[in-house]
Amino acid sequence: MRVLGIDPGFGRIGWAIIDGSRSRQELVEYGCLETESNSALALRLGEIYDFMLDLIGKYKPVAVAVEDIFYFKNQKTVIGVAQARGVILLAVVKAKVMCFNYSPLQVKSTIAGYGKADKRQVQLMVKSQLGLKVVPKPDDAADAAAVALTHFFVNPKMI
C-alpha cells in the first residue's frame, strides 16, 4: 500500500510517500513545499491546493495521513496553519483518497514509543524504521514520513 504523509504548515508543508505494509515500509520520495511569505493569502492557499492535487495524481496513494494541529503560542500562526490544513484536506477529498488524521502525541508515541519524545528522537526512529543512511531533510519532510509511518501501525486494517 502507498501512503502519503503530510506535515501541514502555511509557509512549509512536508510530505513523504511510503510504500509497504505493517511489517515493512520503504520511503519512495519526500520533500517540502515552501510558499512565498510575501504572496497574498489566497494565492498561497491556491498553491498548496494545486500542489496537493499534483502530488496525489503523481504518486497515487491509497491513503493520506495528515498531522493534526497542535497548540501554538502565536495565534496568527495557528490560523494560517489551520487554513492550509483545511485546503490540504479539501484536496484529498476532491481526489477521492482516504484521509486519516493523527495527533502529534499519536505520532510521537507510535514512532518513538514516548508521547513526549523530541523532534530528534522521532527523526532518528524514522531513519531506523526505514533503513535510511540519513534523516530526511528538511525536518518537515522527516515529520511527514513519521506521520505516514504512524498510519501503517495505527490503522493496520486499512493497509
N, C-alpha and C. Protein backbone atom coordinates (compact mmCIF):
# COMPACT_ATOMS: atom_id res chain seq x y z
N MET A 1 0.84 -1.17 0.00
CA MET A 1 0.00 0.00 0.00
C MET A 1 0.89 1.24 0.00
N ARG A 2 0.39 2.29 -0.61
CA ARG A 2 1.13 3.56 -0.67
C ARG A 2 0.41 4.60 0.19
N VAL A 3 1.17 5.24 1.08
CA VAL A 3 0.63 6.27 1.97
C VAL A 3 1.40 7.57 1.75
N LEU A 4 0.66 8.65 1.66
CA LEU A 4 1.23 9.99 1.61
C LEU A 4 1.10 10.60 2.99
N GLY A 5 2.21 10.93 3.61
CA GLY A 5 2.21 11.59 4.91
C GLY A 5 2.39 13.08 4.72
N ILE A 6 1.63 13.86 5.49
CA ILE A 6 1.69 15.32 5.39
C ILE A 6 1.92 15.94 6.75
N ASP A 7 2.92 16.81 6.81
CA ASP A 7 3.15 17.67 7.98
C ASP A 7 2.68 19.06 7.55
N PRO A 8 1.44 19.42 7.91
CA PRO A 8 0.88 20.67 7.39
C PRO A 8 1.53 21.91 7.97
N GLY A 9 1.55 22.93 7.16
CA GLY A 9 2.06 24.23 7.57
C GLY A 9 1.54 25.25 6.59
N PHE A 10 1.91 26.46 6.79
CA PHE A 10 1.47 27.52 5.89
C PHE A 10 2.63 27.92 4.99
N GLY A 11 3.76 28.17 5.60
CA GLY A 11 4.95 28.52 4.82
C GLY A 11 5.65 27.29 4.28
N ARG A 12 5.56 26.18 5.02
CA ARG A 12 6.23 24.94 4.62
C ARG A 12 5.31 23.76 4.89
N ILE A 13 5.18 22.90 3.90
CA ILE A 13 4.40 21.67 4.02
C ILE A 13 5.33 20.51 3.71
N GLY A 14 5.58 19.67 4.70
CA GLY A 14 6.40 18.50 4.48
C GLY A 14 5.55 17.36 3.95
N TRP A 15 6.14 16.55 3.08
CA TRP A 15 5.40 15.40 2.53
C TRP A 15 6.35 14.23 2.34
N ALA A 16 5.79 13.03 2.42
CA ALA A 16 6.57 11.81 2.22
C ALA A 16 5.66 10.71 1.69
N ILE A 17 6.17 9.97 0.72
CA ILE A 17 5.46 8.83 0.14
C ILE A 17 6.15 7.57 0.65
N ILE A 18 5.36 6.69 1.27
CA ILE A 18 5.89 5.44 1.79
C ILE A 18 5.06 4.28 1.26
N ASP A 19 5.73 3.28 0.72
CA ASP A 19 5.10 2.04 0.28
C ASP A 19 5.34 0.99 1.35
N GLY A 20 4.40 0.04 1.46
CA GLY A 20 4.66 -1.07 2.36
C GLY A 20 3.45 -1.66 3.00
N SER A 21 3.74 -2.29 4.13
CA SER A 21 2.73 -2.95 4.95
C SER A 21 3.10 -2.69 6.41
N ARG A 22 2.35 -3.29 7.30
CA ARG A 22 2.67 -3.07 8.72
C ARG A 22 4.06 -3.62 9.07
N SER A 23 4.49 -4.67 8.39
CA SER A 23 5.76 -5.29 8.73
C SER A 23 6.97 -4.71 8.00
N ARG A 24 6.73 -4.00 6.88
CA ARG A 24 7.86 -3.47 6.12
C ARG A 24 7.44 -2.21 5.37
N GLN A 25 8.26 -1.17 5.47
CA GLN A 25 7.96 0.09 4.79
C GLN A 25 9.20 0.56 4.03
N GLU A 26 8.94 1.27 2.93
CA GLU A 26 10.02 1.81 2.11
C GLU A 26 9.70 3.24 1.71
N LEU A 27 10.64 4.13 1.93
CA LEU A 27 10.48 5.53 1.55
C LEU A 27 10.67 5.64 0.04
N VAL A 28 9.65 6.16 -0.64
CA VAL A 28 9.69 6.32 -2.09
C VAL A 28 10.23 7.68 -2.47
N GLU A 29 9.68 8.73 -1.85
CA GLU A 29 10.07 10.10 -2.17
C GLU A 29 9.61 11.00 -1.02
N TYR A 30 10.23 12.14 -0.92
CA TYR A 30 9.83 13.11 0.11
C TYR A 30 10.26 14.50 -0.32
N GLY A 31 9.71 15.50 0.36
CA GLY A 31 10.08 16.86 0.04
C GLY A 31 9.32 17.85 0.89
N CYS A 32 9.40 19.09 0.47
CA CYS A 32 8.78 20.17 1.23
C CYS A 32 8.35 21.26 0.25
N LEU A 33 7.10 21.64 0.33
CA LEU A 33 6.61 22.78 -0.45
C LEU A 33 6.78 24.03 0.41
N GLU A 34 7.39 25.05 -0.16
CA GLU A 34 7.51 26.33 0.54
C GLU A 34 6.76 27.38 -0.25
N THR A 35 5.85 28.08 0.44
CA THR A 35 5.12 29.17 -0.21
C THR A 35 5.82 30.49 0.10
N GLU A 36 5.68 31.44 -0.80
CA GLU A 36 6.32 32.74 -0.65
C GLU A 36 5.62 33.57 0.43
N SER A 37 6.39 34.01 1.41
CA SER A 37 5.80 34.75 2.53
C SER A 37 5.22 36.10 2.10
N ASN A 38 5.68 36.63 0.99
CA ASN A 38 5.17 37.93 0.55
C ASN A 38 4.00 37.81 -0.43
N SER A 39 3.56 36.57 -0.72
CA SER A 39 2.40 36.37 -1.59
C SER A 39 1.11 36.55 -0.81
N ALA A 40 0.04 36.86 -1.51
CA ALA A 40 -1.27 37.02 -0.89
C ALA A 40 -1.75 35.68 -0.33
N LEU A 41 -2.51 35.74 0.75
CA LEU A 41 -3.04 34.56 1.41
C LEU A 41 -3.75 33.63 0.42
N ALA A 42 -4.64 34.15 -0.37
CA ALA A 42 -5.41 33.32 -1.31
C ALA A 42 -4.50 32.62 -2.31
N LEU A 43 -3.47 33.31 -2.77
CA LEU A 43 -2.53 32.71 -3.72
C LEU A 43 -1.75 31.57 -3.08
N ARG A 44 -1.34 31.77 -1.84
CA ARG A 44 -0.59 30.72 -1.13
C ARG A 44 -1.47 29.49 -0.92
N LEU A 45 -2.71 29.70 -0.53
CA LEU A 45 -3.63 28.58 -0.33
C LEU A 45 -3.91 27.87 -1.65
N GLY A 46 -4.05 28.63 -2.72
CA GLY A 46 -4.24 28.04 -4.04
C GLY A 46 -3.05 27.20 -4.46
N GLU A 47 -1.86 27.69 -4.16
CA GLU A 47 -0.63 26.95 -4.49
C GLU A 47 -0.58 25.63 -3.73
N ILE A 48 -0.96 25.66 -2.46
CA ILE A 48 -0.99 24.45 -1.64
C ILE A 48 -2.00 23.44 -2.22
N TYR A 49 -3.18 23.93 -2.57
CA TYR A 49 -4.23 23.06 -3.13
C TYR A 49 -3.74 22.40 -4.43
N ASP A 50 -3.21 23.20 -5.34
CA ASP A 50 -2.73 22.67 -6.62
C ASP A 50 -1.60 21.67 -6.41
N PHE A 51 -0.69 21.99 -5.50
CA PHE A 51 0.43 21.10 -5.22
C PHE A 51 -0.06 19.75 -4.71
N MET A 52 -1.03 19.79 -3.79
CA MET A 52 -1.56 18.55 -3.22
C MET A 52 -2.22 17.69 -4.30
N LEU A 53 -3.01 18.31 -5.16
CA LEU A 53 -3.65 17.55 -6.24
C LEU A 53 -2.60 16.94 -7.17
N ASP A 54 -1.56 17.70 -7.50
CA ASP A 54 -0.49 17.18 -8.35
C ASP A 54 0.25 16.02 -7.68
N LEU A 55 0.54 16.18 -6.38
CA LEU A 55 1.25 15.15 -5.63
C LEU A 55 0.44 13.85 -5.59
N ILE A 56 -0.84 13.98 -5.30
CA ILE A 56 -1.72 12.81 -5.25
C ILE A 56 -1.83 12.18 -6.64
N GLY A 57 -1.97 13.01 -7.67
CA GLY A 57 -2.05 12.50 -9.03
C GLY A 57 -0.79 11.77 -9.47
N LYS A 58 0.35 12.29 -9.08
CA LYS A 58 1.63 11.69 -9.48
C LYS A 58 1.91 10.37 -8.77
N TYR A 59 1.69 10.33 -7.45
CA TYR A 59 2.08 9.15 -6.67
C TYR A 59 0.94 8.18 -6.37
N LYS A 60 -0.30 8.61 -6.56
CA LYS A 60 -1.49 7.77 -6.40
C LYS A 60 -1.51 6.98 -5.07
N PRO A 61 -1.46 7.69 -3.96
CA PRO A 61 -1.53 6.98 -2.68
C PRO A 61 -2.93 6.40 -2.44
N VAL A 62 -2.97 5.32 -1.66
CA VAL A 62 -4.24 4.71 -1.27
C VAL A 62 -4.82 5.50 -0.09
N ALA A 63 -3.94 6.07 0.72
CA ALA A 63 -4.35 6.83 1.90
C ALA A 63 -3.43 8.03 2.10
N VAL A 64 -3.99 9.06 2.72
CA VAL A 64 -3.21 10.24 3.10
C VAL A 64 -3.32 10.39 4.61
N ALA A 65 -2.19 10.49 5.27
CA ALA A 65 -2.13 10.67 6.72
C ALA A 65 -1.66 12.10 6.99
N VAL A 66 -2.48 12.85 7.72
CA VAL A 66 -2.20 14.26 7.97
C VAL A 66 -2.08 14.48 9.48
N GLU A 67 -1.04 15.20 9.87
CA GLU A 67 -0.88 15.51 11.29
C GLU A 67 -1.87 16.59 11.69
N ASP A 68 -2.50 16.38 12.86
CA ASP A 68 -3.40 17.38 13.42
C ASP A 68 -2.61 18.60 13.89
N ILE A 69 -3.30 19.68 14.03
CA ILE A 69 -2.69 20.91 14.54
C ILE A 69 -2.57 20.80 16.05
N PHE A 70 -1.44 21.24 16.56
CA PHE A 70 -1.29 21.33 18.00
C PHE A 70 -1.28 22.80 18.38
N TYR A 71 -1.38 23.06 19.65
CA TYR A 71 -1.48 24.44 20.13
C TYR A 71 -0.21 25.22 19.82
N PHE A 72 -0.40 26.40 19.27
CA PHE A 72 0.71 27.33 19.02
C PHE A 72 0.57 28.50 19.98
N LYS A 73 1.66 29.06 20.42
CA LYS A 73 1.60 30.26 21.26
C LYS A 73 1.20 31.46 20.42
N ASN A 74 1.57 31.46 19.16
CA ASN A 74 1.26 32.56 18.27
C ASN A 74 -0.07 32.28 17.55
N GLN A 75 -1.11 33.03 17.90
CA GLN A 75 -2.44 32.79 17.34
C GLN A 75 -2.46 33.00 15.83
N LYS A 76 -1.69 33.94 15.35
CA LYS A 76 -1.65 34.20 13.90
C LYS A 76 -1.11 32.96 13.17
N THR A 77 -0.11 32.32 13.75
CA THR A 77 0.47 31.12 13.14
C THR A 77 -0.54 29.99 13.07
N VAL A 78 -1.26 29.75 14.16
CA VAL A 78 -2.21 28.63 14.19
C VAL A 78 -3.34 28.86 13.18
N ILE A 79 -3.74 30.08 12.97
CA ILE A 79 -4.80 30.37 12.00
C ILE A 79 -4.30 30.04 10.59
N GLY A 80 -3.11 30.45 10.25
CA GLY A 80 -2.55 30.16 8.93
C GLY A 80 -2.39 28.67 8.70
N VAL A 81 -1.90 27.96 9.70
CA VAL A 81 -1.72 26.51 9.58
C VAL A 81 -3.08 25.82 9.44
N ALA A 82 -4.07 26.29 10.20
CA ALA A 82 -5.42 25.72 10.10
C ALA A 82 -6.00 25.93 8.70
N GLN A 83 -5.78 27.10 8.14
CA GLN A 83 -6.28 27.35 6.79
C GLN A 83 -5.58 26.44 5.78
N ALA A 84 -4.29 26.31 5.89
CA ALA A 84 -3.53 25.45 4.98
C ALA A 84 -3.97 24.00 5.15
N ARG A 85 -4.16 23.57 6.38
CA ARG A 85 -4.59 22.19 6.64
C ARG A 85 -5.97 21.94 6.03
N GLY A 86 -6.85 22.91 6.12
CA GLY A 86 -8.18 22.79 5.51
C GLY A 86 -8.09 22.62 4.00
N VAL A 87 -7.21 23.37 3.36
CA VAL A 87 -7.01 23.26 1.91
C VAL A 87 -6.44 21.89 1.56
N ILE A 88 -5.53 21.40 2.38
CA ILE A 88 -4.94 20.07 2.17
C ILE A 88 -6.03 19.00 2.25
N LEU A 89 -6.86 19.08 3.27
CA LEU A 89 -7.94 18.10 3.43
C LEU A 89 -8.93 18.18 2.26
N LEU A 90 -9.22 19.38 1.81
CA LEU A 90 -10.11 19.55 0.67
C LEU A 90 -9.53 18.88 -0.57
N ALA A 91 -8.26 19.07 -0.82
CA ALA A 91 -7.61 18.45 -1.99
C ALA A 91 -7.69 16.93 -1.90
N VAL A 92 -7.46 16.39 -0.72
CA VAL A 92 -7.51 14.93 -0.53
C VAL A 92 -8.92 14.41 -0.83
N VAL A 93 -9.92 15.10 -0.31
CA VAL A 93 -11.32 14.70 -0.54
C VAL A 93 -11.67 14.81 -2.02
N LYS A 94 -11.27 15.90 -2.65
CA LYS A 94 -11.56 16.09 -4.08
C LYS A 94 -10.87 15.03 -4.93
N ALA A 95 -9.72 14.54 -4.49
CA ALA A 95 -9.00 13.49 -5.22
C ALA A 95 -9.56 12.10 -4.92
N LYS A 96 -10.55 12.05 -4.01
CA LYS A 96 -11.21 10.79 -3.63
C LYS A 96 -10.24 9.77 -3.03
N VAL A 97 -9.41 10.25 -2.12
CA VAL A 97 -8.47 9.39 -1.42
C VAL A 97 -8.85 9.38 0.06
N MET A 98 -8.70 8.22 0.71
CA MET A 98 -9.00 8.13 2.14
C MET A 98 -8.03 9.01 2.93
N CYS A 99 -8.57 9.71 3.91
CA CYS A 99 -7.76 10.63 4.71
C CYS A 99 -7.84 10.25 6.18
N PHE A 100 -6.70 10.26 6.85
CA PHE A 100 -6.61 9.91 8.25
C PHE A 100 -5.83 11.00 8.97
N ASN A 101 -6.25 11.30 10.19
CA ASN A 101 -5.63 12.38 10.96
C ASN A 101 -4.99 11.80 12.21
N TYR A 102 -3.79 12.26 12.52
CA TYR A 102 -3.06 11.79 13.69
C TYR A 102 -2.53 12.97 14.47
N SER A 103 -2.70 12.91 15.78
CA SER A 103 -2.21 13.99 16.64
C SER A 103 -0.70 13.86 16.79
N PRO A 104 -0.02 14.95 17.13
CA PRO A 104 1.42 14.87 17.38
C PRO A 104 1.75 13.83 18.46
N LEU A 105 0.89 13.71 19.48
CA LEU A 105 1.09 12.72 20.54
C LEU A 105 1.04 11.30 19.98
N GLN A 106 0.06 11.03 19.10
CA GLN A 106 -0.02 9.71 18.46
C GLN A 106 1.23 9.41 17.65
N VAL A 107 1.69 10.39 16.89
CA VAL A 107 2.87 10.18 16.05
C VAL A 107 4.09 9.89 16.93
N LYS A 108 4.32 10.70 17.93
CA LYS A 108 5.47 10.50 18.81
C LYS A 108 5.41 9.17 19.54
N SER A 109 4.23 8.84 20.06
CA SER A 109 4.06 7.57 20.78
C SER A 109 4.28 6.38 19.87
N THR A 110 3.74 6.45 18.67
CA THR A 110 3.85 5.34 17.73
C THR A 110 5.26 5.16 17.21
N ILE A 111 5.91 6.24 16.86
CA ILE A 111 7.22 6.15 16.22
C ILE A 111 8.36 6.02 17.24
N ALA A 112 8.31 6.80 18.31
CA ALA A 112 9.40 6.79 19.29
C ALA A 112 9.07 6.02 20.57
N GLY A 113 7.80 5.64 20.73
CA GLY A 113 7.41 4.90 21.92
C GLY A 113 7.18 5.77 23.14
N TYR A 114 7.18 7.09 22.94
CA TYR A 114 7.06 8.03 24.05
C TYR A 114 6.40 9.30 23.54
N GLY A 115 5.26 9.66 24.11
CA GLY A 115 4.47 10.81 23.65
C GLY A 115 5.14 12.16 23.80
N LYS A 116 6.19 12.23 24.63
CA LYS A 116 6.90 13.50 24.80
C LYS A 116 8.29 13.46 24.15
N ALA A 117 8.46 12.54 23.20
CA ALA A 117 9.74 12.45 22.50
C ALA A 117 10.01 13.75 21.78
N ASP A 118 11.27 14.12 21.71
CA ASP A 118 11.60 15.35 20.99
C ASP A 118 11.74 15.06 19.49
N LYS A 119 11.83 16.12 18.72
CA LYS A 119 11.88 16.02 17.26
C LYS A 119 13.03 15.12 16.80
N ARG A 120 14.17 15.26 17.41
CA ARG A 120 15.35 14.47 17.01
C ARG A 120 15.14 12.98 17.25
N GLN A 121 14.52 12.62 18.39
CA GLN A 121 14.25 11.21 18.67
C GLN A 121 13.33 10.61 17.60
N VAL A 122 12.29 11.34 17.23
CA VAL A 122 11.36 10.87 16.21
C VAL A 122 12.09 10.71 14.88
N GLN A 123 12.90 11.69 14.52
CA GLN A 123 13.62 11.63 13.26
C GLN A 123 14.59 10.44 13.20
N LEU A 124 15.26 10.16 14.29
CA LEU A 124 16.17 9.01 14.32
C LEU A 124 15.41 7.69 14.19
N MET A 125 14.23 7.63 14.76
CA MET A 125 13.41 6.43 14.63
C MET A 125 12.89 6.27 13.20
N VAL A 126 12.55 7.37 12.54
CA VAL A 126 12.14 7.33 11.13
C VAL A 126 13.30 6.77 10.30
N LYS A 127 14.48 7.29 10.53
CA LYS A 127 15.67 6.82 9.82
C LYS A 127 15.87 5.32 10.03
N SER A 128 15.77 4.89 11.27
CA SER A 128 15.96 3.48 11.61
C SER A 128 14.87 2.60 11.00
N GLN A 129 13.62 2.98 11.17
CA GLN A 129 12.49 2.18 10.67
C GLN A 129 12.55 2.01 9.16
N LEU A 130 12.97 3.04 8.45
CA LEU A 130 13.01 2.99 7.00
C LEU A 130 14.36 2.52 6.45
N GLY A 131 15.31 2.25 7.34
CA GLY A 131 16.61 1.76 6.91
C GLY A 131 17.39 2.78 6.08
N LEU A 132 17.28 4.05 6.46
CA LEU A 132 17.94 5.12 5.72
C LEU A 132 19.33 5.39 6.28
N LYS A 133 20.19 5.95 5.44
CA LYS A 133 21.53 6.32 5.88
C LYS A 133 21.52 7.65 6.62
N VAL A 134 20.59 8.53 6.23
CA VAL A 134 20.47 9.85 6.87
C VAL A 134 19.01 10.16 7.12
N VAL A 135 18.77 11.09 8.02
CA VAL A 135 17.41 11.57 8.29
C VAL A 135 16.96 12.43 7.11
N PRO A 136 15.75 12.23 6.62
CA PRO A 136 15.26 13.10 5.53
C PRO A 136 15.29 14.57 5.94
N LYS A 137 15.66 15.42 5.01
CA LYS A 137 15.72 16.87 5.23
C LYS A 137 14.86 17.56 4.20
N PRO A 138 14.24 18.65 4.50
CA PRO A 138 14.23 19.34 5.79
C PRO A 138 13.41 18.59 6.83
N ASP A 139 13.41 19.12 8.05
CA ASP A 139 12.70 18.49 9.17
C ASP A 139 11.24 18.21 8.84
N ASP A 140 10.61 19.10 8.07
CA ASP A 140 9.20 18.93 7.74
C ASP A 140 8.96 17.64 6.97
N ALA A 141 9.89 17.26 6.11
CA ALA A 141 9.78 16.02 5.34
C ALA A 141 9.94 14.80 6.26
N ALA A 142 10.87 14.87 7.20
CA ALA A 142 11.04 13.78 8.17
C ALA A 142 9.78 13.64 9.02
N ASP A 143 9.19 14.77 9.40
CA ASP A 143 7.95 14.74 10.19
C ASP A 143 6.83 14.10 9.38
N ALA A 144 6.76 14.41 8.09
CA ALA A 144 5.74 13.83 7.22
C ALA A 144 5.93 12.32 7.11
N ALA A 145 7.18 11.86 7.03
CA ALA A 145 7.46 10.42 6.99
C ALA A 145 6.99 9.76 8.29
N ALA A 146 7.18 10.43 9.41
CA ALA A 146 6.71 9.89 10.69
C ALA A 146 5.18 9.76 10.71
N VAL A 147 4.50 10.74 10.13
CA VAL A 147 3.03 10.69 10.08
C VAL A 147 2.58 9.53 9.20
N ALA A 148 3.23 9.34 8.04
CA ALA A 148 2.89 8.22 7.16
C ALA A 148 3.17 6.89 7.85
N LEU A 149 4.31 6.77 8.52
CA LEU A 149 4.62 5.53 9.24
C LEU A 149 3.59 5.24 10.32
N THR A 150 3.13 6.29 10.98
CA THR A 150 2.11 6.12 12.02
C THR A 150 0.89 5.40 11.46
N HIS A 151 0.51 5.77 10.25
CA HIS A 151 -0.66 5.14 9.64
C HIS A 151 -0.48 3.63 9.50
N PHE A 152 0.71 3.18 9.16
CA PHE A 152 0.96 1.76 9.00
C PHE A 152 0.77 0.98 10.30
N PHE A 153 1.03 1.64 11.43
CA PHE A 153 0.94 0.95 12.71
C PHE A 153 -0.39 1.17 13.43
N VAL A 154 -1.01 2.32 13.22
CA VAL A 154 -2.26 2.63 13.93
C VAL A 154 -3.47 2.06 13.19
N ASN A 155 -3.41 2.01 11.86
CA ASN A 155 -4.54 1.52 11.06
C ASN A 155 -4.13 0.32 10.20
N PRO A 156 -3.69 -0.78 10.83
CA PRO A 156 -3.23 -1.92 10.03
C PRO A 156 -4.32 -2.53 9.15
N LYS A 157 -5.58 -2.38 9.50
CA LYS A 157 -6.66 -2.94 8.69
C LYS A 157 -6.88 -2.12 7.42
N MET A 158 -6.36 -0.90 7.40
CA MET A 158 -6.52 -0.03 6.24
C MET A 158 -5.36 -0.21 5.26
N ILE A 159 -4.52 -1.19 5.53
CA ILE A 159 -3.34 -1.39 4.68
C ILE A 159 -3.56 -2.59 3.77
